[in-house]
Amino acid sequence: MFNEGGYWTKVQGGELQQRVVAENHPTSPRAPVPYCTRSQYIAYLDASGQEVARVHQYLLPDGNLGASGRPDPKQVMQNGVLYMGEVNVSD
């Protein structure tokens, strides 16, 4: 649903804005990422400021995304319905 909706592409193209809603630094020692990586939950906002998706990502010290190199979707709002995936709050 997240990929079909093109949310990540819309963020990259500036059609959606991002807002950090939670951040852990340093990340959990169990996370497979380099030292000084930030574990972030990011809200994607439409032009009216409404949240349309929420993702988790590892922001590496060099500014790139870790793990798969893409955000991991956790919530998507479509047609007034909130769809939720797994949320692991220990990241």
PDB file of N, CA and C in Angstrom:
ATOM      1  N   MET A   1       0.826  -1.185   0.000  1.00  0.00           N
ATOM      2  CA  MET A   1       0.000   0.000   0.000  1.00  0.00           C
ATOM      3  C   MET A   1       0.883   1.266   0.000  1.00  0.00           C
ATOM      4  N   PHE A   2       1.924   1.245   0.817  1.00  0.00           N
ATOM      5  CA  PHE A   2       2.854   2.371   0.891  1.00  0.00           C
ATOM      6  C   PHE A   2       3.569   2.565  -0.445  1.00  0.00           C
ATOM      7  N   ASN A   3       4.075   1.465  -0.999  1.00  0.00           N
ATOM      8  CA  ASN A   3       4.787   1.544  -2.284  1.00  0.00           C
ATOM      9  C   ASN A   3       3.844   1.914  -3.418  1.00  0.00           C
ATOM     10  N   GLU A   4       2.659   1.312  -3.446  1.00  0.00           N
ATOM     11  CA  GLU A   4       1.688   1.622  -4.504  1.00  0.00           C
ATOM     12  C   GLU A   4       1.263   3.081  -4.459  1.00  0.00           C
ATOM     13  N   GLY A   5       1.204   3.661  -3.258  1.00  0.00           N
ATOM     14  CA  GLY A   5       0.826   5.069  -3.111  1.00  0.00           C
ATOM     15  C   GLY A   5       1.950   6.033  -3.443  1.00  0.00           C
ATOM     16  N   GLY A   6       3.159   5.519  -3.629  1.00  0.00           N
ATOM     17  CA  GLY A   6       4.290   6.365  -4.008  1.00  0.00           C
ATOM     18  C   GLY A   6       4.697   7.377  -2.950  1.00  0.00           C
ATOM     19  N   TYR A   7       4.465   7.061  -1.677  1.00  0.00           N
ATOM     20  CA  TYR A   7       4.746   8.019  -0.610  1.00  0.00           C
ATOM     21  C   TYR A   7       6.212   8.442  -0.564  1.00  0.00           C
ATOM     22  N   TRP A   8       7.120   7.485  -0.637  1.00  0.00           N
ATOM     23  CA  TRP A   8       8.551   7.797  -0.570  1.00  0.00           C
ATOM     24  C   TRP A   8       8.964   8.650  -1.768  1.00  0.00           C
ATOM     25  N   THR A   9       8.446   8.326  -2.945  1.00  0.00           N
ATOM     26  CA  THR A   9       8.731   9.121  -4.144  1.00  0.00           C
ATOM     27  C   THR A   9       8.197  10.535  -3.989  1.00  0.00           C
ATOM     28  N   LYS A  10       7.022  10.668  -3.391  1.00  0.00           N
ATOM     29  CA  LYS A  10       6.431  11.993  -3.177  1.00  0.00           C
ATOM     30  C   LYS A  10       7.253  12.820  -2.196  1.00  0.00           C
ATOM     31  N   VAL A  11       7.829  12.172  -1.195  1.00  0.00           N
ATOM     32  CA  VAL A  11       8.712  12.882  -0.268  1.00  0.00           C
ATOM     33  C   VAL A  11       9.953  13.354  -1.012  1.00  0.00           C
ATOM     34  N   GLN A  12      10.556  12.467  -1.782  1.00  0.00           N
ATOM     35  CA  GLN A  12      11.765  12.827  -2.523  1.00  0.00           C
ATOM     36  C   GLN A  12      11.502  13.954  -3.517  1.00  0.00           C
ATOM     37  N   GLY A  13      10.299  13.994  -4.071  1.00  0.00           N
ATOM     38  CA  GLY A  13       9.945  15.030  -5.032  1.00  0.00           C
ATOM     39  C   GLY A  13       9.416  16.310  -4.408  1.00  0.00           C
ATOM     40  N   GLY A  14       9.299  16.350  -3.074  1.00  0.00           N
ATOM     41  CA  GLY A  14       8.829  17.550  -2.397  1.00  0.00           C
ATOM     42  C   GLY A  14       7.323  17.684  -2.306  1.00  0.00           C
ATOM     43  N   GLU A  15       6.586  16.681  -2.794  1.00  0.00           N
ATOM     44  CA  GLU A  15       5.122  16.732  -2.743  1.00  0.00           C
ATOM     45  C   GLU A  15       4.609  16.498  -1.320  1.00  0.00           C
ATOM     46  N   LEU A  16       5.353  15.718  -0.516  1.00  0.00           N
ATOM     47  CA  LEU A  16       5.050  15.510   0.895  1.00  0.00           C
ATOM     48  C   LEU A  16       6.219  16.007   1.724  1.00  0.00           C
ATOM     49  N   GLN A  17       5.918  16.532   2.890  1.00  0.00           N
ATOM     50  CA  GLN A  17       6.946  16.998   3.812  1.00  0.00           C
ATOM     51  C   GLN A  17       7.186  15.941   4.895  1.00  0.00           C
ATOM     52  N   GLN A  18       8.342  16.012   5.541  1.00  0.00           N
ATOM     53  CA  GLN A  18       8.680  15.085   6.614  1.00  0.00           C
ATOM     54  C   GLN A  18       8.798  15.843   7.938  1.00  0.00           C
ATOM     55  N   ARG A  19       8.396  15.153   9.025  1.00  0.00           N
ATOM     56  CA  ARG A  19       8.571  15.711  10.368  1.00  0.00           C
ATOM     57  C   ARG A  19       9.014  14.577  11.280  1.00  0.00           C
ATOM     58  N   VAL A  20      10.107  14.772  11.994  1.00  0.00           N
ATOM     59  CA  VAL A  20      10.580  13.774  12.956  1.00  0.00           C
ATOM     60  C   VAL A  20       9.633  13.795  14.147  1.00  0.00           C
ATOM     61  N   VAL A  21       9.058  12.627  14.484  1.00  0.00           N
ATOM     62  CA  VAL A  21       8.152  12.541  15.632  1.00  0.00           C
ATOM     63  C   VAL A  21       8.803  11.834  16.814  1.00  0.00           C
ATOM     64  N   ALA A  22       9.853  11.074  16.578  1.00  0.00           N
ATOM     65  CA  ALA A  22      10.620  10.426  17.650  1.00  0.00           C
ATOM     66  C   ALA A  22      11.997  10.088  17.109  1.00  0.00           C
ATOM     67  N   GLU A  23      12.984  10.189  17.994  1.00  0.00           N
ATOM     68  CA  GLU A  23      14.345   9.898  17.561  1.00  0.00           C
ATOM     69  C   GLU A  23      15.132   9.350  18.745  1.00  0.00           C
ATOM     70  N   ASN A  24      15.867   8.287  18.499  1.00  0.00           N
ATOM     71  CA  ASN A  24      16.763   7.720  19.497  1.00  0.00           C
ATOM     72  C   ASN A  24      18.187   7.832  18.998  1.00  0.00           C
ATOM     73  N   HIS A  25      19.048   8.322  19.868  1.00  0.00           N
ATOM     74  CA  HIS A  25      20.465   8.421  19.542  1.00  0.00           C
ATOM     75  C   HIS A  25      21.241   8.188  20.819  1.00  0.00           C
ATOM     76  N   PRO A  26      22.076   7.222  20.928  1.00  0.00           N
ATOM     77  CA  PRO A  26      22.393   6.266  19.864  1.00  0.00           C
ATOM     78  C   PRO A  26      21.289   5.225  19.718  1.00  0.00           C
ATOM     79  N   THR A  27      21.354   4.494  18.644  1.00  0.00           N
ATOM     80  CA  THR A  27      20.388   3.423  18.408  1.00  0.00           C
ATOM     81  C   THR A  27      20.675   2.258  19.353  1.00  0.00           C
ATOM     82  N   SER A  28      19.754   1.330  19.378  1.00  0.00           N
ATOM     83  CA  SER A  28      19.932   0.119  20.170  1.00  0.00           C
ATOM     84  C   SER A  28      21.190  -0.612  19.712  1.00  0.00           C
ATOM     85  N   PRO A  29      21.962  -1.176  20.648  1.00  0.00           N
ATOM     86  CA  PRO A  29      23.147  -1.946  20.242  1.00  0.00           C
ATOM     87  C   PRO A  29      22.795  -3.148  19.363  1.00  0.00           C
ATOM     88  N   ARG A  30      21.543  -3.598  19.405  1.00  0.00           N
ATOM     89  CA  ARG A  30      21.112  -4.734  18.570  1.00  0.00           C
ATOM     90  C   ARG A  30      20.870  -4.338  17.117  1.00  0.00           C
ATOM     91  N   ALA A  31      20.735  -3.052  16.861  1.00  0.00           N
ATOM     92  CA  ALA A  31      20.468  -2.599  15.489  1.00  0.00           C
ATOM     93  C   ALA A  31      21.712  -2.803  14.623  1.00  0.00           C
ATOM     94  N   PRO A  32      21.517  -3.327  13.409  1.00  0.00           N
ATOM     95  CA  PRO A  32      22.659  -3.615  12.527  1.00  0.00           C
ATOM     96  C   PRO A  32      23.134  -2.384  11.757  1.00  0.00           C
ATOM     97  N   VAL A  33      23.514  -1.346  12.499  1.00  0.00           N
ATOM     98  CA  VAL A  33      23.918  -0.083  11.867  1.00  0.00           C
ATOM     99  C   VAL A  33      25.176   0.452  12.544  1.00  0.00           C
ATOM    100  N   PRO A  34      25.923   1.336  11.870  1.00  0.00           N
ATOM    101  CA  PRO A  34      27.150   1.891  12.445  1.00  0.00           C
ATOM    102  C   PRO A  34      26.881   2.781  13.667  1.00  0.00           C
ATOM    103  N   TYR A  35      27.919   2.982  14.453  1.00  0.00           N
ATOM    104  CA  TYR A  35      27.858   3.875  15.600  1.00  0.00           C
ATOM    105  C   TYR A  35      27.400   5.268  15.158  1.00  0.00           C
ATOM    106  N   CYS A  36      26.614   5.915  15.999  1.00  0.00           N
ATOM    107  CA  CYS A  36      26.128   7.287  15.792  1.00  0.00           C
ATOM    108  C   CYS A  36      24.990   7.377  14.766  1.00  0.00           C
ATOM    109  N   THR A  37      24.363   6.233  14.462  1.00  0.00           N
ATOM    110  CA  THR A  37      23.176   6.223  13.609  1.00  0.00           C
ATOM    111  C   THR A  37      21.969   6.618  14.455  1.00  0.00           C
ATOM    112  N   ARG A  38      21.015   7.320  13.853  1.00  0.00           N
ATOM    113  CA  ARG A  38      19.797   7.739  14.555  1.00  0.00           C
ATOM    114  C   ARG A  38      18.619   6.872  14.107  1.00  0.00           C
ATOM    115  N   SER A  39      17.891   6.345  15.089  1.00  0.00           N
ATOM    116  CA  SER A  39      16.651   5.619  14.828  1.00  0.00           C
ATOM    117  C   SER A  39      15.528   6.647  14.875  1.00  0.00           C
ATOM    118  N   GLN A  40      14.796   6.804  13.766  1.00  0.00           N
ATOM    119  CA  GLN A  40      13.799   7.872  13.663  1.00  0.00           C
ATOM    120  C   GLN A  40      12.432   7.350  13.246  1.00  0.00           C
ATOM    121  N   TYR A  41      11.394   7.931  13.832  1.00  0.00           N
ATOM    122  CA  TYR A  41      10.033   7.778  13.332  1.00  0.00           C
ATOM    123  C   TYR A  41       9.678   9.108  12.682  1.00  0.00           C
ATOM    124  N   ILE A  42       9.261   9.027  11.424  1.00  0.00           N
ATOM    125  CA  ILE A  42       9.013  10.211  10.601  1.00  0.00           C
ATOM    126  C   ILE A  42       7.555  10.216  10.144  1.00  0.00           C
ATOM    127  N   ALA A  43       6.895  11.373  10.300  1.00  0.00           N
ATOM    128  CA  ALA A  43       5.548  11.558   9.757  1.00  0.00           C
ATOM    129  C   ALA A  43       5.675  12.209   8.390  1.00  0.00           C
ATOM    130  N   TYR A  44       4.897  11.723   7.430  1.00  0.00           N
ATOM    131  CA  TYR A  44       4.802  12.347   6.115  1.00  0.00           C
ATOM    132  C   TYR A  44       3.527  13.179   6.107  1.00  0.00           C
ATOM    133  N   LEU A  45       3.652  14.437   5.719  1.00  0.00           N
ATOM    134  CA  LEU A  45       2.550  15.382   5.757  1.00  0.00           C
ATOM    135  C   LEU A  45       2.202  15.869   4.355  1.00  0.00           C
ATOM    136  N   ASP A  46       0.900  15.990   4.084  1.00  0.00           N
ATOM    137  CA  ASP A  46       0.472  16.519   2.789  1.00  0.00           C
ATOM    138  C   ASP A  46       0.516  18.051   2.827  1.00  0.00           C
ATOM    139  N   ALA A  47       0.090  18.692   1.753  1.00  0.00           N
ATOM    140  CA  ALA A  47       0.181  20.147   1.629  1.00  0.00           C
ATOM    141  C   ALA A  47      -0.626  20.881   2.698  1.00  0.00           C
ATOM    142  N   SER A  48      -1.674  20.239   3.231  1.00  0.00           N
ATOM    143  CA  SER A  48      -2.491  20.878   4.269  1.00  0.00           C
ATOM    144  C   SER A  48      -1.970  20.574   5.676  1.00  0.00           C
ATOM    145  N   GLY A  49      -0.849  19.837   5.763  1.00  0.00           N
ATOM    146  CA  GLY A  49      -0.264  19.521   7.057  1.00  0.00           C
ATOM    147  C   GLY A  49      -0.839  18.281   7.723  1.00  0.00           C
ATOM    148  N   GLN A  50      -1.691  17.549   7.007  1.00  0.00           N
ATOM    149  CA  GLN A  50      -2.275  16.324   7.545  1.00  0.00           C
ATOM    150  C   GLN A  50      -1.301  15.163   7.379  1.00  0.00           C
ATOM    151  N   GLU A  51      -1.184  14.346   8.415  1.00  0.00           N
ATOM    152  CA  GLU A  51      -0.309  13.185   8.348  1.00  0.00           C
ATOM    153  C   GLU A  51      -0.948  12.120   7.457  1.00  0.00           C
ATOM    154  N   VAL A  52      -0.168  11.645   6.475  1.00  0.00           N
ATOM    155  CA  VAL A  52      -0.673  10.633   5.551  1.00  0.00           C
ATOM    156  C   VAL A  52       0.072   9.311   5.668  1.00  0.00           C
ATOM    157  N   ALA A  53       1.230   9.330   6.341  1.00  0.00           N
ATOM    158  CA  ALA A  53       1.989   8.103   6.544  1.00  0.00           C
ATOM    159  C   ALA A  53       2.989   8.328   7.662  1.00  0.00           C
ATOM    160  N   ARG A  54       3.436   7.203   8.239  1.00  0.00           N
ATOM    161  CA  ARG A  54       4.497   7.252   9.251  1.00  0.00           C
ATOM    162  C   ARG A  54       5.448   6.104   8.973  1.00  0.00           C
ATOM    163  N   VAL A  55       6.749   6.387   9.068  1.00  0.00           N
ATOM    164  CA  VAL A  55       7.774   5.396   8.768  1.00  0.00           C
ATOM    165  C   VAL A  55       8.817   5.356   9.878  1.00  0.00           C
ATOM    166  N   HIS A  56       9.575   4.269   9.896  1.00  0.00           N
ATOM    167  CA  HIS A  56      10.773   4.187  10.728  1.00  0.00           C
ATOM    168  C   HIS A  56      11.960   4.147   9.774  1.00  0.00           C
ATOM    169  N   GLN A  57      13.040   4.794  10.182  1.00  0.00           N
ATOM    170  CA  GLN A  57      14.248   4.748   9.367  1.00  0.00           C
ATOM    171  C   GLN A  57      15.470   4.888  10.258  1.00  0.00           C
ATOM    172  N   TYR A  58      16.581   4.377   9.752  1.00  0.00           N
ATOM    173  CA  TYR A  58      17.869   4.569  10.394  1.00  0.00           C
ATOM    174  C   TYR A  58      18.622   5.616   9.594  1.00  0.00           C
ATOM    175  N   LEU A  59      18.874   6.760  10.197  1.00  0.00           N
ATOM    176  CA  LEU A  59      19.626   7.819   9.542  1.00  0.00           C
ATOM    177  C   LEU A  59      21.096   7.653   9.908  1.00  0.00           C
ATOM    178  N   LEU A  60      21.895   7.286   8.916  1.00  0.00           N
ATOM    179  CA  LEU A  60      23.316   7.040   9.127  1.00  0.00           C
ATOM    180  C   LEU A  60      24.071   8.355   9.337  1.00  0.00           C
ATOM    181  N   PRO A  61      25.242   8.299   9.945  1.00  0.00           N
ATOM    182  CA  PRO A  61      26.017   9.521  10.153  1.00  0.00           C
ATOM    183  C   PRO A  61      26.328  10.293   8.862  1.00  0.00           C
ATOM    184  N   ASP A  62      26.390   9.592   7.726  1.00  0.00           N
ATOM    185  CA  ASP A  62      26.684  10.269   6.448  1.00  0.00           C
ATOM    186  C   ASP A  62      25.439  10.866   5.784  1.00  0.00           C
ATOM    187  N   GLY A  63      24.255  10.734   6.448  1.00  0.00           N
ATOM    188  CA  GLY A  63      23.029  11.312   5.907  1.00  0.00           C
ATOM    189  C   GLY A  63      22.199  10.364   5.063  1.00  0.00           C
ATOM    190  N   ASN A  64      22.748   9.204   4.723  1.00  0.00           N
ATOM    191  CA  ASN A  64      21.990   8.194   3.977  1.00  0.00           C
ATOM    192  C   ASN A  64      21.144   7.369   4.932  1.00  0.00           C
ATOM    193  N   LEU A  65      20.195   6.606   4.383  1.00  0.00           N
ATOM    194  CA  LEU A  65      19.383   5.709   5.190  1.00  0.00           C
ATOM    195  C   LEU A  65      20.041   4.345   5.266  1.00  0.00           C
ATOM    196  N   GLY A  66      20.007   3.752   6.447  1.00  0.00           N
ATOM    197  CA  GLY A  66      20.606   2.445   6.662  1.00  0.00           C
ATOM    198  C   GLY A  66      19.642   1.323   6.356  1.00  0.00           C
ATOM    199  N   ALA A  67      20.058   0.112   6.741  1.00  0.00           N
ATOM    200  CA  ALA A  67      19.295  -1.122   6.494  1.00  0.00           C
ATOM    201  C   ALA A  67      19.069  -1.264   4.992  1.00  0.00           C
ATOM    202  N   SER A  68      17.819  -1.197   4.518  1.00  0.00           N
ATOM    203  CA  SER A  68      17.539  -1.383   3.090  1.00  0.00           C
ATOM    204  C   SER A  68      17.830  -0.132   2.264  1.00  0.00           C
ATOM    205  N   GLY A  69      18.071   0.998   2.942  1.00  0.00           N
ATOM    206  CA  GLY A  69      18.268   2.265   2.231  1.00  0.00           C
ATOM    207  C   GLY A  69      16.962   2.978   1.951  1.00  0.00           C
ATOM    208  N   ARG A  70      15.872   2.417   2.480  1.00  0.00           N
ATOM    209  CA  ARG A  70      14.543   3.015   2.308  1.00  0.00           C
ATOM    210  C   ARG A  70      13.837   3.024   3.657  1.00  0.00           C
ATOM    211  N   PRO A  71      12.879   3.928   3.845  1.00  0.00           N
ATOM    212  CA  PRO A  71      12.126   3.926   5.092  1.00  0.00           C
ATOM    213  C   PRO A  71      11.232   2.684   5.193  1.00  0.00           C
ATOM    214  N   ASP A  72      10.941   2.279   6.419  1.00  0.00           N
ATOM    215  CA  ASP A  72      10.086   1.127   6.701  1.00  0.00           C
ATOM    216  C   ASP A  72       8.697   1.650   7.101  1.00  0.00           C
ATOM    217  N   PRO A  73       7.677   1.489   6.257  1.00  0.00           N
ATOM    218  CA  PRO A  73       6.356   2.040   6.570  1.00  0.00           C
ATOM    219  C   PRO A  73       5.728   1.362   7.779  1.00  0.00           C
ATOM    220  N   LYS A  74       5.101   2.185   8.633  1.00  0.00           N
ATOM    221  CA  LYS A  74       4.420   1.692   9.826  1.00  0.00           C
ATOM    222  C   LYS A  74       2.933   2.033   9.812  1.00  0.00           C
ATOM    223  N   GLN A  75       2.574   3.155   9.188  1.00  0.00           N
ATOM    224  CA  GLN A  75       1.175   3.579   9.107  1.00  0.00           C
ATOM    225  C   GLN A  75       0.936   4.274   7.772  1.00  0.00           C
ATOM    226  N   VAL A  76      -0.244   4.053   7.222  1.00  0.00           N
ATOM    227  CA  VAL A  76      -0.660   4.749   6.003  1.00  0.00           C
ATOM    228  C   VAL A  76      -2.127   5.128   6.166  1.00  0.00           C
ATOM    229  N   MET A  77      -2.450   6.374   5.842  1.00  0.00           N
ATOM    230  CA  MET A  77      -3.832   6.841   5.878  1.00  0.00           C
ATOM    231  C   MET A  77      -4.335   6.919   4.439  1.00  0.00           C
ATOM    232  N   GLN A  78      -5.393   6.160   4.123  1.00  0.00           N
ATOM    233  CA  GLN A  78      -5.991   6.201   2.786  1.00  0.00           C
ATOM    234  C   GLN A  78      -7.498   6.247   2.915  1.00  0.00           C
ATOM    235  N   ASN A  79      -8.106   7.214   2.242  1.00  0.00           N
ATOM    236  CA  ASN A  79      -9.557   7.371   2.231  1.00  0.00           C
ATOM    237  C   ASN A  79     -10.144   7.382   3.631  1.00  0.00           C
ATOM    238  N   GLY A  80      -9.453   8.069   4.560  1.00  0.00           N
ATOM    239  CA  GLY A  80      -9.939   8.189   5.924  1.00  0.00           C
ATOM    240  C   GLY A  80      -9.737   6.970   6.800  1.00  0.00           C
ATOM    241  N   VAL A  81      -9.046   5.945   6.296  1.00  0.00           N
ATOM    242  CA  VAL A  81      -8.794   4.727   7.069  1.00  0.00           C
ATOM    243  C   VAL A  81      -7.302   4.658   7.381  1.00  0.00           C
ATOM    244  N   LEU A  82      -6.975   4.451   8.669  1.00  0.00           N
ATOM    245  CA  LEU A  82      -5.586   4.317   9.096  1.00  0.00           C
ATOM    246  C   LEU A  82      -5.196   2.852   9.096  1.00  0.00           C
ATOM    247  N   TYR A  83      -4.216   2.516   8.284  1.00  0.00           N
ATOM    248  CA  TYR A  83      -3.689   1.152   8.211  1.00  0.00           C
ATOM    249  C   TYR A  83      -2.368   1.137   8.963  1.00  0.00           C
ATOM    250  N   MET A  84      -2.215   0.159   9.848  1.00  0.00           N
ATOM    251  CA  MET A  84      -1.014   0.093  10.681  1.00  0.00           C
ATOM    252  C   MET A  84      -0.294  -1.215  10.504  1.00  0.00           C
ATOM    253  N   GLY A  85       1.029  -1.131  10.407  1.00  0.00           N
ATOM    254  CA  GLY A  85       1.875  -2.320  10.377  1.00  0.00           C
ATOM    255  C   GLY A  85       2.482  -2.518  11.748  1.00  0.00           C
ATOM    256  N   GLU A  86       3.491  -3.365  11.817  1.00  0.00           N
ATOM    257  CA  GLU A  86       4.177  -3.606  13.087  1.00  0.00           C
ATOM    258  C   GLU A  86       4.964  -2.394  13.508  1.00  0.00           C
ATOM    259  N   VAL A  87       4.964  -2.134  14.801  1.00  0.00           N
ATOM    260  CA  VAL A  87       5.776  -1.064  15.364  1.00  0.00           C
ATOM    261  C   VAL A  87       6.650  -1.683  16.438  1.00  0.00           C
ATOM    262  N   ASN A  88       7.954  -1.515  16.285  1.00  0.00           N
ATOM    263  CA  ASN A  88       8.904  -2.044  17.259  1.00  0.00           C
ATOM    264  C   ASN A  88       9.504  -0.861  18.010  1.00  0.00           C
ATOM    265  N   VAL A  89       9.006  -0.594  19.211  1.00  0.00           N
ATOM    266  CA  VAL A  89       9.423   0.580  19.957  1.00  0.00           C
ATOM    267  C   VAL A  89      10.787   0.434  20.609  1.00  0.00           C
ATOM    268  N   SER A  90      11.433  -0.715  20.469  1.00  0.00           N
ATOM    269  CA  SER A  90      12.760  -0.897  21.066  1.00  0.00           C
ATOM    270  C   SER A  90      13.881  -0.430  20.160  1.00  0.00           C
ATOM    271  N   ASP A  91      13.570   0.078  18.968  1.00  0.00           N
ATOM    272  CA  ASP A  91      14.611   0.546  18.037  1.00  0.00           C
ATOM    273  C   ASP A  91      15.284   1.782  18.557  1.00  0.00           C
TER     274      ASP A  91
END
